[in-house]
Amino acid sequence: MDVNRHPGDAIKGPEDRFSGDVWLWPRIGATVNAEVRNVLFTPGSRSAWHRHPAGQVLHVTEGVGLVQSRDGERQEIRAGDTVICHPGEEHWHGAAPGTFMTHIAVTDGPTDWKDHVTDEEYDA
């Protein structure tokens, strides 16, 4: 058994990967292959389009957010929801307008970052 102590202070997400203010805590845990992070999105903030070759799992712990795959419709997500992003599926996720959203992200392997989500895509 491993006990992971409080990971320390959050850092602001890099502007080339996020629009708006997004806060990332240092890695809060890991399995054999996956990294586990806590991420806070301020109202209207979001990730850029990206994909994970091995997929990603997002579990919303607070607030209301939005998520969309490149060929799919934007969907609202709420505390208690779990999103499974399939291997290689381009997607974005972030907070809904007017609310914060926090999720735990479980990612296996690297992230392939793409272009920013436009305001038109976010508002669609």
Protein backbone atom coordinates (compact mmCIF):
# COMPACT_ATOMS: atom_id res chain seq x y z
CA MET A 1 0.00 0.00 0.00
CA ASP A 2 1.17 3.51 -0.81
CA VAL A 3 -0.13 6.63 0.87
CA ASN A 4 0.23 9.70 -1.32
CA ARG A 5 0.42 12.80 0.86
CA HIS A 6 -1.07 16.13 -0.16
CA PRO A 7 0.57 16.91 -3.49
CA GLY A 8 1.33 20.56 -2.81
CA ASP A 9 0.21 23.77 -4.43
CA ALA A 10 -1.72 23.86 -7.67
CA ILE A 11 -0.11 25.39 -10.75
CA LYS A 12 -1.83 27.34 -13.50
CA GLY A 13 -2.38 25.28 -16.64
CA PRO A 14 -0.20 26.33 -19.58
CA GLU A 15 -1.80 28.72 -22.08
CA ASP A 16 -0.90 26.51 -25.04
CA ARG A 17 -3.10 23.74 -23.58
CA PHE A 18 -5.93 25.65 -21.88
CA SER A 19 -8.17 28.67 -22.45
CA GLY A 20 -9.01 30.62 -19.28
CA ASP A 21 -7.80 29.83 -15.80
CA VAL A 22 -7.27 26.13 -15.17
CA TRP A 23 -5.43 24.85 -12.11
CA LEU A 24 -3.57 21.54 -11.97
CA TRP A 25 -2.40 19.84 -8.85
CA PRO A 26 0.80 17.85 -9.05
CA ARG A 27 0.17 14.19 -9.69
CA ILE A 28 -1.99 12.86 -6.85
CA GLY A 29 -1.31 9.23 -7.58
CA ALA A 30 -0.44 6.67 -10.18
CA THR A 31 -1.13 3.10 -11.04
CA VAL A 32 1.36 0.94 -12.85
CA ASN A 33 0.75 2.84 -16.11
CA ALA A 34 -1.68 5.71 -15.44
CA GLU A 35 -1.30 9.18 -13.96
CA VAL A 36 -4.02 10.60 -11.70
CA ARG A 37 -4.54 14.39 -11.41
CA ASN A 38 -7.04 16.75 -9.86
CA VAL A 39 -7.95 19.64 -12.20
CA LEU A 40 -10.01 22.77 -11.44
CA PHE A 41 -11.61 24.73 -14.29
CA THR A 42 -12.88 28.25 -13.61
CA PRO A 43 -16.14 29.34 -15.28
CA GLY A 44 -15.84 29.14 -19.08
CA SER A 45 -12.29 27.72 -19.06
CA ARG A 46 -11.46 24.62 -21.05
CA SER A 47 -8.77 22.41 -22.46
CA ALA A 48 -7.58 22.58 -26.03
CA TRP A 49 -8.55 19.75 -28.34
CA HIS A 50 -6.38 16.76 -27.48
CA ARG A 51 -6.20 12.99 -27.57
CA HIS A 52 -4.65 10.19 -25.55
CA PRO A 53 -3.39 7.14 -27.45
CA ALA A 54 -4.49 4.89 -24.56
CA GLY A 55 -7.62 6.89 -23.61
CA GLN A 56 -8.59 8.92 -20.55
CA VAL A 57 -11.13 8.72 -17.74
CA LEU A 58 -12.56 11.89 -16.17
CA HIS A 59 -14.58 11.79 -12.95
CA VAL A 60 -16.36 15.04 -12.09
CA THR A 61 -16.15 15.80 -8.37
CA GLU A 62 -17.67 19.30 -8.26
CA GLY A 63 -19.64 21.69 -10.42
CA VAL A 64 -20.92 21.55 -13.97
CA GLY A 65 -18.78 21.10 -17.06
CA LEU A 66 -18.86 20.47 -20.78
CA VAL A 67 -17.20 17.77 -22.84
CA GLN A 68 -17.14 17.06 -26.56
CA SER A 69 -15.45 14.66 -28.95
CA ARG A 70 -14.34 16.01 -32.33
CA ASP A 71 -17.22 14.34 -34.21
CA GLY A 72 -19.76 14.44 -31.39
CA GLU A 73 -22.16 16.82 -29.74
CA ARG A 74 -21.20 18.92 -26.74
CA GLN A 75 -22.53 17.36 -23.54
CA GLU A 76 -23.05 18.71 -20.05
CA ILE A 77 -21.37 16.81 -17.21
CA ARG A 78 -22.04 17.15 -13.47
CA ALA A 79 -20.56 16.07 -10.17
CA GLY A 80 -20.70 12.27 -10.01
CA ASP A 81 -20.48 11.78 -13.79
CA THR A 82 -17.64 9.75 -15.30
CA VAL A 83 -16.48 10.34 -18.88
CA ILE A 84 -14.55 7.69 -20.79
CA CYS A 85 -12.54 9.11 -23.68
CA HIS A 86 -11.63 6.25 -25.98
CA PRO A 87 -8.06 5.67 -27.21
CA GLY A 88 -7.17 8.23 -29.88
CA GLU A 89 -10.48 10.12 -29.58
CA GLU A 90 -9.96 13.87 -29.97
CA HIS A 91 -11.91 15.75 -27.33
CA TRP A 92 -12.00 18.75 -25.00
CA HIS A 93 -13.45 19.35 -21.55
CA GLY A 94 -13.96 22.31 -19.27
CA ALA A 95 -16.31 24.28 -17.03
CA ALA A 96 -19.73 25.44 -18.11
CA PRO A 97 -20.34 29.21 -18.23
CA GLY A 98 -20.91 30.67 -14.77
CA THR A 99 -19.69 27.68 -12.76
CA PHE A 100 -16.52 25.99 -11.62
CA MET A 101 -15.86 22.33 -12.43
CA THR A 102 -13.34 19.99 -10.84
CA HIS A 103 -12.51 16.54 -12.13
CA ILE A 104 -10.06 13.78 -11.47
CA ALA A 105 -8.28 12.79 -14.68
CA VAL A 106 -6.78 9.34 -15.15
CA THR A 107 -4.48 9.24 -18.15
CA ASP A 108 -2.32 6.42 -19.43
CA GLY A 109 0.56 7.69 -21.53
CA PRO A 110 1.23 10.97 -23.29
CA THR A 111 -1.24 13.64 -24.37
CA ASP A 112 -1.27 14.80 -27.98
CA TRP A 113 -2.33 18.47 -27.79
CA LYS A 114 -4.10 20.09 -30.75
CA ASP A 115 -5.69 23.50 -31.47
CA HIS A 116 -7.64 25.60 -28.98
CA VAL A 117 -11.41 25.23 -28.75
CA THR A 118 -12.89 28.33 -30.36
CA ASP A 119 -15.59 30.41 -28.69
CA GLU A 120 -17.97 29.23 -31.43
CA GLU A 121 -17.22 25.57 -30.64
CA TYR A 122 -17.57 26.20 -26.90
CA ASP A 123 -20.89 28.04 -27.33
CA ALA A 124 -22.37 25.56 -29.86
